[in-house]
Amino acid sequence: SSCRDLRHTWFYDQHIHGETGVVVTFTERENFFDGRFVNKNNETI
């Protein structure tokens, strides 16, 4: 619904790879659009 009236869309994947045997837990993600802060997500990866 948030994109219902916004017809211009772009799709891509971000592949995040662990380079060692050590576990890494991300708890915060900051998103930027055209150099401006958009939002922060707190899902755990």
All heavy atoms as atom14 arrays in JSON, in Angstrom:
{
  "sequence": "SSCRDLRHTWFYDQHIHGETGVVVTFTERENFFDGRFVNKNNETI",
  "atom14_mask": [
    [1, 1, 1, 1, 1, 1, 0, 0, 0, 0, 0, 0, 0, 0],
    [1, 1, 1, 1, 1, 1, 0, 0, 0, 0, 0, 0, 0, 0],
    [1, 1, 1, 1, 1, 1, 0, 0, 0, 0, 0, 0, 0, 0],
    [1, 1, 1, 1, 1, 1, 1, 1, 1, 1, 1, 0, 0, 0],
    [1, 1, 1, 1, 1, 1, 1, 1, 0, 0, 0, 0, 0, 0],
    [1, 1, 1, 1, 1, 1, 1, 1, 0, 0, 0, 0, 0, 0],
    [1, 1, 1, 1, 1, 1, 1, 1, 1, 1, 1, 0, 0, 0],
    [1, 1, 1, 1, 1, 1, 1, 1, 1, 1, 0, 0, 0, 0],
    [1, 1, 1, 1, 1, 1, 1, 0, 0, 0, 0, 0, 0, 0],
    [1, 1, 1, 1, 1, 1, 1, 1, 1, 1, 1, 1, 1, 1],
    [1, 1, 1, 1, 1, 1, 1, 1, 1, 1, 1, 0, 0, 0],
    [1, 1, 1, 1, 1, 1, 1, 1, 1, 1, 1, 1, 0, 0],
    [1, 1, 1, 1, 1, 1, 1, 1, 0, 0, 0, 0, 0, 0],
    [1, 1, 1, 1, 1, 1, 1, 1, 1, 0, 0, 0, 0, 0],
    [1, 1, 1, 1, 1, 1, 1, 1, 1, 1, 0, 0, 0, 0],
    [1, 1, 1, 1, 1, 1, 1, 1, 0, 0, 0, 0, 0, 0],
    [1, 1, 1, 1, 1, 1, 1, 1, 1, 1, 0, 0, 0, 0],
    [1, 1, 1, 1, 0, 0, 0, 0, 0, 0, 0, 0, 0, 0],
    [1, 1, 1, 1, 1, 1, 1, 1, 1, 0, 0, 0, 0, 0],
    [1, 1, 1, 1, 1, 1, 1, 0, 0, 0, 0, 0, 0, 0],
    [1, 1, 1, 1, 0, 0, 0, 0, 0, 0, 0, 0, 0, 0],
    [1, 1, 1, 1, 1, 1, 1, 0, 0, 0, 0, 0, 0, 0],
    [1, 1, 1, 1, 1, 1, 1, 0, 0, 0, 0, 0, 0, 0],
    [1, 1, 1, 1, 1, 1, 1, 0, 0, 0, 0, 0, 0, 0],
    [1, 1, 1, 1, 1, 1, 1, 0, 0, 0, 0, 0, 0, 0],
    [1, 1, 1, 1, 1, 1, 1, 1, 1, 1, 1, 0, 0, 0],
    [1, 1, 1, 1, 1, 1, 1, 0, 0, 0, 0, 0, 0, 0],
    [1, 1, 1, 1, 1, 1, 1, 1, 1, 0, 0, 0, 0, 0],
    [1, 1, 1, 1, 1, 1, 1, 1, 1, 1, 1, 0, 0, 0],
    [1, 1, 1, 1, 1, 1, 1, 1, 1, 0, 0, 0, 0, 0],
    [1, 1, 1, 1, 1, 1, 1, 1, 0, 0, 0, 0, 0, 0],
    [1, 1, 1, 1, 1, 1, 1, 1, 1, 1, 1, 0, 0, 0],
    [1, 1, 1, 1, 1, 1, 1, 1, 1, 1, 1, 0, 0, 0],
    [1, 1, 1, 1, 1, 1, 1, 1, 0, 0, 0, 0, 0, 0],
    [1, 1, 1, 1, 0, 0, 0, 0, 0, 0, 0, 0, 0, 0],
    [1, 1, 1, 1, 1, 1, 1, 1, 1, 1, 1, 0, 0, 0],
    [1, 1, 1, 1, 1, 1, 1, 1, 1, 1, 1, 0, 0, 0],
    [1, 1, 1, 1, 1, 1, 1, 0, 0, 0, 0, 0, 0, 0],
    [1, 1, 1, 1, 1, 1, 1, 1, 0, 0, 0, 0, 0, 0],
    [1, 1, 1, 1, 1, 1, 1, 1, 1, 0, 0, 0, 0, 0],
    [1, 1, 1, 1, 1, 1, 1, 1, 0, 0, 0, 0, 0, 0],
    [1, 1, 1, 1, 1, 1, 1, 1, 0, 0, 0, 0, 0, 0],
    [1, 1, 1, 1, 1, 1, 1, 1, 1, 0, 0, 0, 0, 0],
    [1, 1, 1, 1, 1, 1, 1, 0, 0, 0, 0, 0, 0, 0],
    [1, 1, 1, 1, 1, 1, 1, 1, 0, 0, 0, 0, 0, 0]
  ],
  "atom14_positions": [
    [[0.82, -1.21, 0.0], [0.0, 0.0, 0.0], [0.85, 1.26, 0.0], [0.46, 2.28, -0.56], [-0.95, -0.01, 1.21], [-0.21, -0.07, 2.42], [0.0, 0.0, 0.0], [0.0, 0.0, 0.0], [0.0, 0.0, 0.0], [0.0, 0.0, 0.0], [0.0, 0.0, 0.0], [0.0, 0.0, 0.0], [0.0, 0.0, 0.0], [0.0, 0.0, 0.0]],
    [[2.04, 1.2, 0.63], [2.89, 2.39, 0.71], [3.4, 2.82, -0.66], [3.73, 3.98, -0.87], [4.07, 2.13, 1.65], [4.8, 1.01, 1.23], [0.0, 0.0, 0.0], [0.0, 0.0, 0.0], [0.0, 0.0, 0.0], [0.0, 0.0, 0.0], [0.0, 0.0, 0.0], [0.0, 0.0, 0.0], [0.0, 0.0, 0.0], [0.0, 0.0, 0.0]],
    [[3.48, 1.87, -1.61], [3.97, 2.19, -2.95], [2.83, 2.23, -3.98], [3.1, 2.3, -5.18], [5.0, 1.16, -3.4], [6.59, 1.28, -2.54], [0.0, 0.0, 0.0], [0.0, 0.0, 0.0], [0.0, 0.0, 0.0], [0.0, 0.0, 0.0], [0.0, 0.0, 0.0], [0.0, 0.0, 0.0], [0.0, 0.0, 0.0], [0.0, 0.0, 0.0]],
    [[1.61, 2.18, -3.55], [0.47, 2.07, -4.46], [0.44, 3.2, -5.47], [0.16, 2.98, -6.65], [-0.83, 2.05, -3.66], [-2.1, 1.91, -4.5], [-3.32, 1.93, -3.62], [-3.32, 3.13, -2.77], [-4.09, 3.26, -1.69], [-4.88, 2.29, -1.3], [-4.04, 4.39, -0.99], [0.0, 0.0, 0.0], [0.0, 0.0, 0.0], [0.0, 0.0, 0.0]],
    [[0.74, 4.42, -5.04], [0.69, 5.58, -5.93], [2.07, 6.04, -6.38], [2.21, 7.11, -6.97], [-0.03, 6.74, -5.23], [-1.47, 6.4, -4.87], [-2.14, 5.72, -5.69], [-1.91, 6.79, -3.76], [0.0, 0.0, 0.0], [0.0, 0.0, 0.0], [0.0, 0.0, 0.0], [0.0, 0.0, 0.0], [0.0, 0.0, 0.0], [0.0, 0.0, 0.0]],
    [[3.09, 5.24, -6.1], [4.47, 5.57, -6.48], [4.93, 4.54, -7.51], [5.43, 3.49, -7.15], [5.37, 5.58, -5.25], [4.89, 6.48, -4.1], [5.83, 6.34, -2.9], [4.78, 7.93, -4.53], [0.0, 0.0, 0.0], [0.0, 0.0, 0.0], [0.0, 0.0, 0.0], [0.0, 0.0, 0.0], [0.0, 0.0, 0.0], [0.0, 0.0, 0.0]],
    [[4.74, 4.85, -8.79], [4.86, 3.82, -9.82], [6.28, 3.57, -10.31], [6.5, 2.66, -11.11], [3.98, 4.19, -11.02], [4.34, 5.49, -11.71], [3.26, 5.89, -12.7], [3.58, 7.11, -13.44], [4.23, 7.13, -14.6], [4.63, 5.98, -15.15], [4.47, 8.27, -15.21], [0.0, 0.0, 0.0], [0.0, 0.0, 0.0], [0.0, 0.0, 0.0]],
    [[7.25, 4.34, -9.85], [8.63, 4.14, -10.28], [9.36, 3.28, -9.26], [9.47, 3.66, -8.09], [9.33, 5.48, -10.48], [8.63, 6.34, -11.5], [8.62, 6.04, -12.84], [7.87, 7.46, -11.35], [7.91, 6.94, -13.49], [7.44, 7.81, -12.62], [0.0, 0.0, 0.0], [0.0, 0.0, 0.0], [0.0, 0.0, 0.0], [0.0, 0.0, 0.0]],
    [[9.82, 2.11, -9.69], [10.39, 1.13, -8.76], [11.73, 0.61, -9.26], [11.98, 0.55, -10.47], [9.43, -0.06, -8.55], [9.15, -0.65, -9.82], [8.13, 0.4, -7.9], [0.0, 0.0, 0.0], [0.0, 0.0, 0.0], [0.0, 0.0, 0.0], [0.0, 0.0, 0.0], [0.0, 0.0, 0.0], [0.0, 0.0, 0.0], [0.0, 0.0, 0.0]],
    [[12.58, 0.2, -8.33], [13.88, -0.38, -8.61], [14.11, -1.56, -7.65], [13.79, -1.47, -6.46], [14.99, 0.65, -8.39], [14.93, 1.84, -9.31], [15.61, 2.01, -10.49], [14.17, 3.05, -9.12], [15.32, 3.23, -11.04], [14.44, 3.89, -10.23], [13.28, 3.49, -8.13], [13.85, 5.15, -10.37], [12.7, 4.75, -8.27], [12.98, 5.56, -9.38]],
    [[14.69, -2.65, -8.16], [14.89, -3.87, -7.38], [16.36, -4.29, -7.43], [16.95, -4.34, -8.51], [14.04, -5.01, -7.94], [12.56, -4.76, -7.95], [11.98, -3.93, -8.89], [11.74, -5.38, -7.02], [10.61, -3.7, -8.91], [10.37, -5.16, -7.02], [9.8, -4.31, -7.97], [0.0, 0.0, 0.0], [0.0, 0.0, 0.0], [0.0, 0.0, 0.0]],
    [[16.93, -4.63, -6.28], [18.29, -5.19, -6.26], [18.49, -5.99, -4.98], [17.7, -5.88, -4.03], [19.36, -4.1, -6.4], [19.37, -3.05, -5.32], [20.15, -3.21, -4.16], [18.63, -1.87, -5.45], [20.17, -2.23, -3.17], [18.65, -0.89, -4.47], [19.42, -1.07, -3.34], [19.44, -0.11, -2.36], [0.0, 0.0, 0.0], [0.0, 0.0, 0.0]],
    [[19.54, -6.8, -4.96], [19.88, -7.61, -3.79], [21.21, -7.14, -3.2], [22.14, -6.77, -3.93], [20.03, -9.09, -4.17], [18.7, -9.74, -4.51], [17.65, -9.18, -4.14], [18.72, -10.81, -5.14], [0.0, 0.0, 0.0], [0.0, 0.0, 0.0], [0.0, 0.0, 0.0], [0.0, 0.0, 0.0], [0.0, 0.0, 0.0], [0.0, 0.0, 0.0]],
    [[21.27, -7.18, -1.87], [22.52, -6.92, -1.16], [23.0, -8.24, -0.56], [22.34, -8.8, 0.32], [22.32, -5.87, -0.06], [21.83, -4.54, -0.6], [21.8, -3.45, 0.44], [22.85, -3.02, 0.94], [20.61, -2.99, 0.8], [0.0, 0.0, 0.0], [0.0, 0.0, 0.0], [0.0, 0.0, 0.0], [0.0, 0.0, 0.0], [0.0, 0.0, 0.0]],
    [[24.13, -8.75, -1.04], [24.69, -10.01, -0.57], [25.72, -9.71, 0.52], [26.78, -9.12, 0.26], [25.35, -10.77, -1.72], [24.38, -11.2, -2.78], [23.88, -12.49, -2.85], [23.79, -10.51, -3.79], [23.04, -12.58, -3.87], [22.97, -11.4, -4.45], [0.0, 0.0, 0.0], [0.0, 0.0, 0.0], [0.0, 0.0, 0.0], [0.0, 0.0, 0.0]],
    [[25.42, -10.1, 1.74], [26.28, -9.84, 2.9], [26.95, -11.16, 3.26], [26.27, -12.12, 3.66], [25.46, -9.31, 4.09], [24.53, -8.19, 3.63], [26.37, -8.84, 5.2], [23.35, -7.99, 4.54], [0.0, 0.0, 0.0], [0.0, 0.0, 0.0], [0.0, 0.0, 0.0], [0.0, 0.0, 0.0], [0.0, 0.0, 0.0], [0.0, 0.0, 0.0]],
    [[28.26, -11.24, 3.13], [28.97, -12.51, 3.3], [29.97, -12.43, 4.43], [30.74, -11.47, 4.55], [29.69, -12.89, 2.01], [30.41, -14.2, 2.1], [29.74, -15.4, 2.22], [31.73, -14.49, 2.09], [30.62, -16.38, 2.28], [31.83, -15.85, 2.21], [0.0, 0.0, 0.0], [0.0, 0.0, 0.0], [0.0, 0.0, 0.0], [0.0, 0.0, 0.0]],
    [[29.98, -13.46, 5.29], [30.96, -13.56, 6.35], [32.27, -14.1, 5.82], [32.3, -15.19, 5.24], [0.0, 0.0, 0.0], [0.0, 0.0, 0.0], [0.0, 0.0, 0.0], [0.0, 0.0, 0.0], [0.0, 0.0, 0.0], [0.0, 0.0, 0.0], [0.0, 0.0, 0.0], [0.0, 0.0, 0.0], [0.0, 0.0, 0.0], [0.0, 0.0, 0.0]],
    [[33.35, -13.39, 6.01], [34.65, -13.76, 5.46], [35.47, -14.63, 6.41], [36.55, -15.08, 6.04], [35.45, -12.49, 5.12], [34.85, -11.67, 4.0], [34.87, -12.4, 2.66], [35.86, -13.1, 2.38], [33.88, -12.29, 1.91], [0.0, 0.0, 0.0], [0.0, 0.0, 0.0], [0.0, 0.0, 0.0], [0.0, 0.0, 0.0], [0.0, 0.0, 0.0]],
    [[34.97, -14.87, 7.63], [35.69, -15.71, 8.59], [34.7, -16.68, 9.22], [33.51, -16.65, 8.93], [36.35, -14.86, 9.7], [35.32, -14.3, 10.53], [37.19, -13.73, 9.11], [0.0, 0.0, 0.0], [0.0, 0.0, 0.0], [0.0, 0.0, 0.0], [0.0, 0.0, 0.0], [0.0, 0.0, 0.0], [0.0, 0.0, 0.0], [0.0, 0.0, 0.0]],
    [[35.18, -17.52, 10.11], [34.31, -18.44, 10.84], [33.65, -17.83, 12.05], [32.95, -18.52, 12.8], [0.0, 0.0, 0.0], [0.0, 0.0, 0.0], [0.0, 0.0, 0.0], [0.0, 0.0, 0.0], [0.0, 0.0, 0.0], [0.0, 0.0, 0.0], [0.0, 0.0, 0.0], [0.0, 0.0, 0.0], [0.0, 0.0, 0.0], [0.0, 0.0, 0.0]],
    [[33.83, -16.53, 12.23], [33.28, -15.83, 13.4], [31.87, -15.33, 13.09], [31.62, -14.74, 12.04], [34.18, -14.64, 13.8], [33.57, -13.84, 14.94], [35.57, -15.15, 14.18], [0.0, 0.0, 0.0], [0.0, 0.0, 0.0], [0.0, 0.0, 0.0], [0.0, 0.0, 0.0], [0.0, 0.0, 0.0], [0.0, 0.0, 0.0], [0.0, 0.0, 0.0]],
    [[30.95, -15.58, 14.01], [29.57, -15.13, 13.86], [29.49, -13.61, 14.02], [30.1, -13.04, 14.92], [28.65, -15.81, 14.89], [27.23, -15.25, 14.82], [28.63, -17.32, 14.66], [0.0, 0.0, 0.0], [0.0, 0.0, 0.0], [0.0, 0.0, 0.0], [0.0, 0.0, 0.0], [0.0, 0.0, 0.0], [0.0, 0.0, 0.0], [0.0, 0.0, 0.0]],
    [[28.74, -12.96, 13.13], [28.5, -11.52, 13.21], [26.99, -11.3, 13.28], [26.23, -11.87, 12.49], [29.08, -10.77, 12.01], [28.7, -9.29, 12.05], [30.6, -10.92, 11.97], [0.0, 0.0, 0.0], [0.0, 0.0, 0.0], [0.0, 0.0, 0.0], [0.0, 0.0, 0.0], [0.0, 0.0, 0.0], [0.0, 0.0, 0.0], [0.0, 0.0, 0.0]],
    [[26.55, -10.48, 14.21], [25.12, -10.17, 14.36], [24.9, -8.69, 14.15], [25.4, -7.85, 14.92], [24.61, -10.58, 15.75], [24.85, -11.99, 15.95], [23.11, -10.32, 15.87], [0.0, 0.0, 0.0], [0.0, 0.0, 0.0], [0.0, 0.0, 0.0], [0.0, 0.0, 0.0], [0.0, 0.0, 0.0], [0.0, 0.0, 0.0], [0.0, 0.0, 0.0]],
    [[24.15, -8.33, 13.1], [23.79, -6.95, 12.85], [22.43, -6.66, 13.5], [21.48, -7.43, 13.32], [23.71, -6.66, 11.35], [25.04, -6.7, 10.65], [25.36, -7.75, 9.8], [25.98, -5.7, 10.85], [26.58, -7.81, 9.16], [27.21, -5.75, 10.22], [27.51, -6.8, 9.37], [0.0, 0.0, 0.0], [0.0, 0.0, 0.0], [0.0, 0.0, 0.0]],
    [[22.35, -5.57, 14.23], [21.1, -5.23, 14.92], [20.54, -3.88, 14.48], [19.48, -3.47, 14.95], [21.33, -5.18, 16.45], [22.42, -4.29, 16.73], [21.66, -6.56, 16.99], [0.0, 0.0, 0.0], [0.0, 0.0, 0.0], [0.0, 0.0, 0.0], [0.0, 0.0, 0.0], [0.0, 0.0, 0.0], [0.0, 0.0, 0.0], [0.0, 0.0, 0.0]],
    [[21.23, -3.21, 13.57], [20.77, -1.89, 13.13], [21.17, -1.68, 11.68], [22.27, -2.06, 11.25], [21.38, -0.8, 14.01], [20.88, 0.59, 13.74], [21.46, 1.59, 14.74], [21.34, 1.33, 15.97], [22.04, 2.6, 14.3], [0.0, 0.0, 0.0], [0.0, 0.0, 0.0], [0.0, 0.0, 0.0], [0.0, 0.0, 0.0], [0.0, 0.0, 0.0]],
    [[20.26, -1.08, 10.92], [20.52, -0.8, 9.52], [20.03, 0.6, 9.2], [18.86, 0.93, 9.41], [19.8, -1.83, 8.65], [20.15, -1.77, 7.19], [19.58, -2.96, 6.43], [18.14, -2.92, 6.29], [17.29, -3.73, 6.92], [17.75, -4.65, 7.75], [16.0, -3.64, 6.73], [0.0, 0.0, 0.0], [0.0, 0.0, 0.0], [0.0, 0.0, 0.0]],
    [[20.92, 1.46, 8.69], [20.57, 2.83, 8.33], [20.49, 2.96, 6.81], [21.41, 2.53, 6.1], [21.61, 3.82, 8.88], [21.65, 3.86, 10.41], [22.78, 4.71, 10.94], [23.75, 4.96, 10.2], [22.71, 5.1, 12.12], [0.0, 0.0, 0.0], [0.0, 0.0, 0.0], [0.0, 0.0, 0.0], [0.0, 0.0, 0.0], [0.0, 0.0, 0.0]],
    [[19.39, 3.51, 6.31], [19.16, 3.62, 4.87], [19.28, 5.07, 4.42], [18.74, 5.98, 5.07], [17.78, 3.08, 4.52], [17.6, 1.64, 4.97], [18.29, 0.75, 4.5], [16.68, 1.41, 5.89], [0.0, 0.0, 0.0], [0.0, 0.0, 0.0], [0.0, 0.0, 0.0], [0.0, 0.0, 0.0], [0.0, 0.0, 0.0], [0.0, 0.0, 0.0]],
    [[19.98, 5.29, 3.31], [20.18, 6.63, 2.77], [19.71, 6.68, 1.31], [19.93, 5.73, 0.55], [21.66, 7.02, 2.85], [22.21, 7.04, 4.25], [22.82, 5.93, 4.8], [22.09, 8.19, 5.03], [23.31, 5.93, 6.09], [22.58, 8.21, 6.34], [23.19, 7.08, 6.87], [0.0, 0.0, 0.0], [0.0, 0.0, 0.0], [0.0, 0.0, 0.0]],
    [[19.07, 7.78, 0.96], [18.55, 7.98, -0.4], [18.99, 9.35, -0.88], [18.69, 10.36, -0.25], [17.01, 7.9, -0.37], [16.37, 7.81, -1.72], [16.15, 6.57, -2.32], [15.97, 8.95, -2.39], [15.55, 6.48, -3.56], [15.36, 8.87, -3.63], [15.15, 7.63, -4.23], [0.0, 0.0, 0.0], [0.0, 0.0, 0.0], [0.0, 0.0, 0.0]],
    [[19.76, 9.39, -1.99], [20.32, 10.63, -2.51], [21.1, 11.39, -1.44], [21.06, 12.62, -1.36], [19.21, 11.52, -3.09], [18.63, 10.96, -4.38], [19.27, 10.09, -4.99], [17.54, 11.4, -4.78], [0.0, 0.0, 0.0], [0.0, 0.0, 0.0], [0.0, 0.0, 0.0], [0.0, 0.0, 0.0], [0.0, 0.0, 0.0], [0.0, 0.0, 0.0]],
    [[21.82, 10.65, -0.61], [22.68, 11.26, 0.4], [21.97, 11.7, 1.66], [22.61, 12.26, 2.55], [0.0, 0.0, 0.0], [0.0, 0.0, 0.0], [0.0, 0.0, 0.0], [0.0, 0.0, 0.0], [0.0, 0.0, 0.0], [0.0, 0.0, 0.0], [0.0, 0.0, 0.0], [0.0, 0.0, 0.0], [0.0, 0.0, 0.0], [0.0, 0.0, 0.0]],
    [[20.66, 11.43, 1.76], [19.9, 11.84, 2.94], [19.45, 10.63, 3.73], [19.09, 9.6, 3.16], [18.68, 12.67, 2.53], [19.01, 14.04, 1.96], [17.73, 14.79, 1.61], [17.97, 16.19, 1.28], [18.27, 16.62, 0.05], [18.34, 15.75, -0.94], [18.48, 17.9, -0.16], [0.0, 0.0, 0.0], [0.0, 0.0, 0.0], [0.0, 0.0, 0.0]],
    [[19.45, 10.77, 5.05], [18.97, 9.7, 5.92], [17.47, 9.51, 5.71], [16.7, 10.47, 5.7], [19.25, 10.04, 7.39], [18.69, 9.06, 8.37], [19.22, 7.78, 8.48], [17.62, 9.41, 9.18], [18.71, 6.87, 9.39], [17.1, 8.51, 10.09], [17.65, 7.24, 10.2], [0.0, 0.0, 0.0], [0.0, 0.0, 0.0], [0.0, 0.0, 0.0]],
    [[17.06, 8.25, 5.52], [15.66, 7.93, 5.27], [15.03, 7.27, 6.48], [14.01, 7.71, 7.0], [15.51, 7.02, 4.04], [14.07, 6.58, 3.85], [16.0, 7.74, 2.79], [0.0, 0.0, 0.0], [0.0, 0.0, 0.0], [0.0, 0.0, 0.0], [0.0, 0.0, 0.0], [0.0, 0.0, 0.0], [0.0, 0.0, 0.0], [0.0, 0.0, 0.0]],
    [[15.63, 6.18, 6.96], [15.09, 5.52, 8.14], [16.11, 4.55, 8.72], [17.19, 4.33, 8.14], [13.77, 4.8, 7.84], [14.0, 3.44, 7.18], [14.94, 3.24, 6.42], [13.11, 2.5, 7.48], [0.0, 0.0, 0.0], [0.0, 0.0, 0.0], [0.0, 0.0, 0.0], [0.0, 0.0, 0.0], [0.0, 0.0, 0.0], [0.0, 0.0, 0.0]],
    [[15.76, 4.0, 9.87], [16.6, 3.01, 10.55], [15.76, 1.78, 10.84], [14.66, 1.88, 11.37], [17.18, 3.59, 11.85], [18.07, 2.63, 12.62], [18.8, 3.35, 13.74], [17.87, 3.91, 14.79], [18.6, 4.52, 15.92], [0.0, 0.0, 0.0], [0.0, 0.0, 0.0], [0.0, 0.0, 0.0], [0.0, 0.0, 0.0], [0.0, 0.0, 0.0]],
    [[16.29, 0.6, 10.49], [15.63, -0.67, 10.77], [16.41, -1.4, 11.86], [17.63, -1.39, 11.87], [15.56, -1.54, 9.53], [14.8, -0.89, 8.39], [15.37, -0.6, 7.35], [13.52, -0.63, 8.58], [0.0, 0.0, 0.0], [0.0, 0.0, 0.0], [0.0, 0.0, 0.0], [0.0, 0.0, 0.0], [0.0, 0.0, 0.0], [0.0, 0.0, 0.0]],
    [[15.69, -2.02, 12.77], [16.34, -2.7, 13.9], [16.17, -4.21, 13.86], [16.31, -4.88, 14.87], [15.8, -2.15, 15.22], [16.18, -0.7, 15.43], [17.32, -0.31, 15.17], [15.23, 0.1, 15.89], [0.0, 0.0, 0.0], [0.0, 0.0, 0.0], [0.0, 0.0, 0.0], [0.0, 0.0, 0.0], [0.0, 0.0, 0.0], [0.0, 0.0, 0.0]],
    [[15.84, -4.78, 12.68], [15.79, -6.24, 12.59], [17.18, -6.83, 12.83], [18.19, -6.24, 12.48], [15.3, -6.7, 11.21], [13.9, -6.27, 10.88], [13.88, -4.97, 10.09], [14.89, -4.25, 10.08], [12.82, -4.71, 9.48], [0.0, 0.0, 0.0], [0.0, 0.0, 0.0], [0.0, 0.0, 0.0], [0.0, 0.0, 0.0], [0.0, 0.0, 0.0]],
    [[17.21, -8.02, 13.42], [18.48, -8.7, 13.67], [18.84, -9.6, 12.5], [18.03, -10.43, 12.08], [18.41, -9.54, 14.96], [18.2, -8.66, 16.08], [19.7, -10.33, 15.17], [0.0, 0.0, 0.0], [0.0, 0.0, 0.0], [0.0, 0.0, 0.0], [0.0, 0.0, 0.0], [0.0, 0.0, 0.0], [0.0, 0.0, 0.0], [0.0, 0.0, 0.0]],
    [[20.02, -9.43, 11.96], [20.55, -10.31, 10.92], [21.75, -11.04, 11.53], [22.77, -10.42, 11.83], [21.0, -9.53, 9.67], [19.82, -8.76, 9.07], [21.6, -10.46, 8.64], [20.2, -7.91, 7.87], [0.0, 0.0, 0.0], [0.0, 0.0, 0.0], [0.0, 0.0, 0.0], [0.0, 0.0, 0.0], [0.0, 0.0, 0.0], [0.0, 0.0, 0.0]]
  ]
}
